[in-house]
Protein backbone atom coordinates (compact mmCIF):
# COMPACT_ATOMS: atom_id res chain seq x y z
CA UNK A 1 51.34 5.93 19.88
CA UNK A 2 53.33 7.23 16.93
CA UNK A 3 52.88 5.87 13.46
CA UNK A 4 55.97 3.89 12.43
CA UNK A 5 55.84 5.44 8.95
CA UNK A 6 56.08 8.93 10.44
CA UNK A 7 59.31 7.99 12.21
CA UNK A 8 61.17 6.46 9.25
CA UNK A 9 63.24 8.80 7.11
CA UNK A 10 62.24 7.15 3.81
CA UNK A 11 58.56 7.83 4.56
CA UNK A 12 59.30 11.38 5.67
CA UNK A 13 61.01 11.94 2.31
CA UNK A 14 58.08 10.41 0.42
CA UNK A 15 55.64 12.58 2.37
CA UNK A 16 57.70 15.66 1.46
CA UNK A 17 57.74 14.66 -2.21
CA UNK A 18 53.97 14.11 -2.05
CA UNK A 19 53.46 17.62 -0.65
CA UNK A 20 55.57 19.10 -3.47
CA UNK A 21 53.69 17.01 -6.05
CA UNK A 22 50.35 18.22 -4.68
CA UNK A 23 51.56 21.81 -4.81
CA UNK A 24 52.76 21.44 -8.42
CA UNK A 25 49.41 19.93 -9.44
CA UNK A 26 47.58 22.78 -7.73
CA UNK A 27 49.76 25.42 -9.39
CA UNK A 28 49.20 23.81 -12.81
CA UNK A 29 45.44 23.68 -12.19
CA UNK A 30 45.42 27.39 -11.26
CA UNK A 31 47.21 28.27 -14.53
CA UNK A 32 45.17 25.95 -16.76
CA UNK A 33 41.66 26.48 -15.34
CA UNK A 34 41.22 30.10 -16.54
CA UNK A 35 42.22 28.90 -20.03
CA UNK A 36 39.49 26.22 -19.85
CA UNK A 37 42.09 23.44 -19.86
CA UNK A 38 42.43 20.46 -17.59
CA UNK A 39 45.88 19.94 -16.05
CA UNK A 40 46.49 16.95 -18.36
CA UNK A 41 45.62 19.09 -21.40
CA UNK A 42 48.07 21.75 -20.19
CA UNK A 43 50.74 19.08 -19.71
CA UNK A 44 50.17 17.83 -23.26
CA UNK A 45 50.59 21.36 -24.63
CA UNK A 46 53.72 21.89 -22.52
CA UNK A 47 55.20 18.58 -23.68
CA UNK A 48 54.53 19.40 -27.33
CA UNK A 49 56.05 22.87 -26.88
CA UNK A 50 59.21 21.60 -25.20
CA UNK A 51 59.61 18.60 -27.53
CA UNK A 52 58.53 20.09 -30.84
CA UNK A 53 61.32 18.44 -32.81
CA UNK A 54 60.10 14.94 -31.91
CA UNK A 55 57.10 13.26 -33.51
CA UNK A 56 54.55 12.81 -30.73
CA UNK A 57 51.96 10.06 -30.95
CA UNK A 58 49.09 9.15 -28.66
CA UNK A 59 51.07 6.28 -27.13
CA UNK A 60 54.24 8.38 -26.71
CA UNK A 61 52.26 11.07 -24.88
CA UNK A 62 50.53 8.48 -22.67
CA UNK A 63 53.90 6.97 -21.72
CA UNK A 64 55.54 10.34 -21.08
CA UNK A 65 52.69 11.68 -18.94
CA UNK A 66 52.01 8.32 -17.26
CA UNK A 67 48.28 8.21 -18.02
CA UNK A 68 46.11 5.82 -20.01
CA UNK A 69 45.88 6.06 -23.77
CA UNK A 70 42.13 6.62 -23.44
CA UNK A 71 42.79 9.70 -21.28
CA UNK A 72 45.28 11.02 -23.81
CA UNK A 73 42.93 10.31 -26.74
CA UNK A 74 40.09 12.24 -25.09
CA UNK A 75 42.38 15.15 -24.25
CA UNK A 76 43.86 15.26 -27.75
CA UNK A 77 40.37 15.37 -29.31
CA UNK A 78 39.42 18.33 -27.10
CA UNK A 79 42.67 20.16 -27.82
CA UNK A 80 42.21 19.61 -31.55
CA UNK A 81 38.61 20.88 -31.38
CA UNK A 82 39.93 24.09 -29.74
CA UNK A 83 42.53 24.45 -32.54
CA UNK A 84 45.43 24.14 -30.07
CA UNK A 85 46.92 21.11 -31.83
CA UNK A 86 46.85 19.53 -35.26
CA UNK A 87 47.30 15.92 -36.25
CA UNK A 88 48.96 14.25 -39.20
CA UNK A 89 48.54 10.58 -40.09
CA UNK A 90 51.67 8.47 -39.80
CA UNK A 91 52.51 7.44 -43.39
CA UNK A 92 53.85 4.11 -42.08
CA UNK A 93 50.87 3.30 -39.86
CA UNK A 94 47.47 4.73 -40.78
CA UNK A 95 46.12 3.91 -37.30
CA UNK A 96 48.59 6.32 -35.72
CA UNK A 97 48.87 10.11 -35.89
CA UNK A 98 51.52 12.67 -35.03
CA UNK A 99 50.46 15.69 -32.99
CA UNK A 100 51.91 19.19 -33.01
CA UNK A 101 50.98 22.63 -31.71
CA UNK A 102 49.19 25.22 -33.80
CA UNK A 103 50.18 28.89 -33.46
CA UNK A 104 47.33 29.35 -30.98
CA UNK A 105 48.43 26.21 -29.11
CA UNK A 106 51.99 27.57 -28.77
CA UNK A 107 50.67 30.79 -27.25
CA UNK A 108 48.48 28.93 -24.75
CA UNK A 109 51.27 26.46 -23.92
CA UNK A 110 53.64 29.33 -23.13
CA UNK A 111 51.04 30.75 -20.72
CA UNK A 112 50.63 27.47 -18.83
CA UNK A 113 54.35 26.72 -18.84
CA UNK A 114 54.93 29.36 -16.15
CA UNK A 115 53.00 27.44 -13.47
CA UNK A 116 56.16 26.33 -11.65
CA UNK A 117 58.20 29.56 -11.67
CA UNK A 118 57.57 30.36 -7.99
CA UNK A 119 58.54 26.86 -6.91
CA UNK A 120 61.71 26.92 -9.00
CA UNK A 121 62.55 30.32 -7.53
CA UNK A 122 62.31 28.91 -4.01
CA UNK A 123 64.87 26.21 -4.93
CA UNK A 124 67.38 28.94 -5.79
CA UNK A 125 67.30 29.95 -2.12
CA UNK A 126 69.03 26.67 -1.22
CA UNK A 127 72.81 26.66 -1.07
CA UNK A 128 74.34 25.52 -4.41
CA UNK A 129 75.74 22.37 -2.78
CA UNK A 130 72.30 21.53 -1.36
CA UNK A 131 70.76 22.02 -4.81
CA UNK A 132 73.34 19.67 -6.35
CA UNK A 133 72.80 17.00 -3.69
CA UNK A 134 69.02 17.27 -4.04
CA UNK A 135 69.22 16.91 -7.83
CA UNK A 136 71.67 14.02 -7.66
CA UNK A 137 69.43 12.23 -5.17
CA UNK A 138 66.34 12.77 -7.34
CA UNK A 139 68.11 11.46 -10.45
CA UNK A 140 69.24 8.36 -8.57
CA UNK A 141 65.74 7.87 -7.14
CA UNK A 142 64.13 8.12 -10.59
CA UNK A 143 66.67 5.62 -11.94
CA UNK A 144 65.76 3.20 -9.14
CA UNK A 145 62.04 3.62 -9.84
CA UNK A 146 62.67 2.77 -13.48
CA UNK A 147 64.71 -0.30 -12.58
CA UNK A 148 61.79 -1.54 -10.45
CA UNK A 149 59.35 -0.74 -13.30
CA UNK A 150 57.43 1.63 -11.04
CA UNK A 151 57.54 4.42 -13.63
CA UNK A 152 57.84 4.23 -17.38
CA UNK A 153 61.18 4.84 -18.99
CA UNK A 154 61.87 8.54 -18.83
CA UNK A 155 64.32 10.35 -21.06
CA UNK A 156 67.08 10.14 -18.45
CA UNK A 157 70.74 9.90 -19.44
CA UNK A 158 71.19 6.49 -17.80
CA UNK A 159 68.74 4.90 -20.27
CA UNK A 160 70.15 6.60 -23.39
CA UNK A 161 72.25 4.98 -26.09
CA UNK A 162 74.64 7.96 -25.96
CA UNK A 163 75.37 7.60 -22.23
CA UNK A 164 78.45 5.86 -20.87
CA UNK A 165 80.27 5.90 -17.57
CA UNK A 166 83.92 5.32 -16.76
CA UNK A 167 84.47 4.82 -13.04
CA UNK A 168 82.74 7.87 -11.52
CA UNK A 169 82.65 10.00 -14.69
CA UNK A 170 79.45 10.32 -16.75
CA UNK A 171 79.89 10.84 -20.49
CA UNK A 172 77.58 11.81 -23.37
CA UNK A 173 78.74 10.36 -26.67
CA UNK A 174 76.36 12.61 -28.61
CA UNK A 175 77.83 15.79 -27.12
CA UNK A 176 81.26 14.16 -26.89
CA UNK A 177 81.53 15.62 -23.43
CA UNK A 178 81.92 14.60 -19.80
CA UNK A 179 78.85 15.34 -17.69
CA UNK A 180 78.80 16.66 -14.15
CA UNK A 181 76.17 15.13 -11.84
CA UNK A 182 74.07 18.27 -12.31
CA UNK A 183 74.25 17.88 -16.10
CA UNK A 184 72.55 14.46 -16.08
CA UNK A 185 69.25 15.01 -17.87
CA UNK A 186 65.87 13.72 -16.70
CA UNK A 187 63.95 14.90 -19.79
CA UNK A 188 66.59 15.04 -22.52
CA UNK A 189 65.12 15.99 -25.91
CA UNK A 190 67.94 14.08 -27.64
CA UNK A 191 67.33 10.86 -25.68
CA UNK A 192 67.36 7.66 -27.70
CA UNK A 193 66.82 4.23 -26.20
CA UNK A 194 69.60 1.70 -26.82
CA UNK A 195 68.98 -0.64 -29.74
């Protein structure tokens, strides 16, 4: 007797996404382990490297990486003890600190950032139209997950104060430019939530 979940397309898609997620986690572990980092520590370093212009707090990192604040706090303490990050007290809230990479932390972050190169390379083997459809579907799926509060608000265009849409055309008011479906950002560094 076949399992009903194995026969439904939505579950087949979820199973495929799970396999890719497992592979990404494994690749990150393989890159971070020789550097004596946990995958979450590597993700923190990568986030700080890619978002260096933003002030990153404990709570911001926890929300972005979808882990508990306690997990982030423990990881930040270890990274600071290894001189990979530094902290600076928030002048407006003494209970909060901003975190940034040290020179050593930037070097290590750049090493771990390459964990997904082989997977990204395999995507380039898809036809351009297939890549565009895949990306468009993922963006829509992430938007749906946010609307159902299944994942925290990501820095996706649809949730940004600069985003607008006229009929079928996406528009970024910050860039003052129309956006193609493939230009919709999932992790936009300029993202700002609407007031």
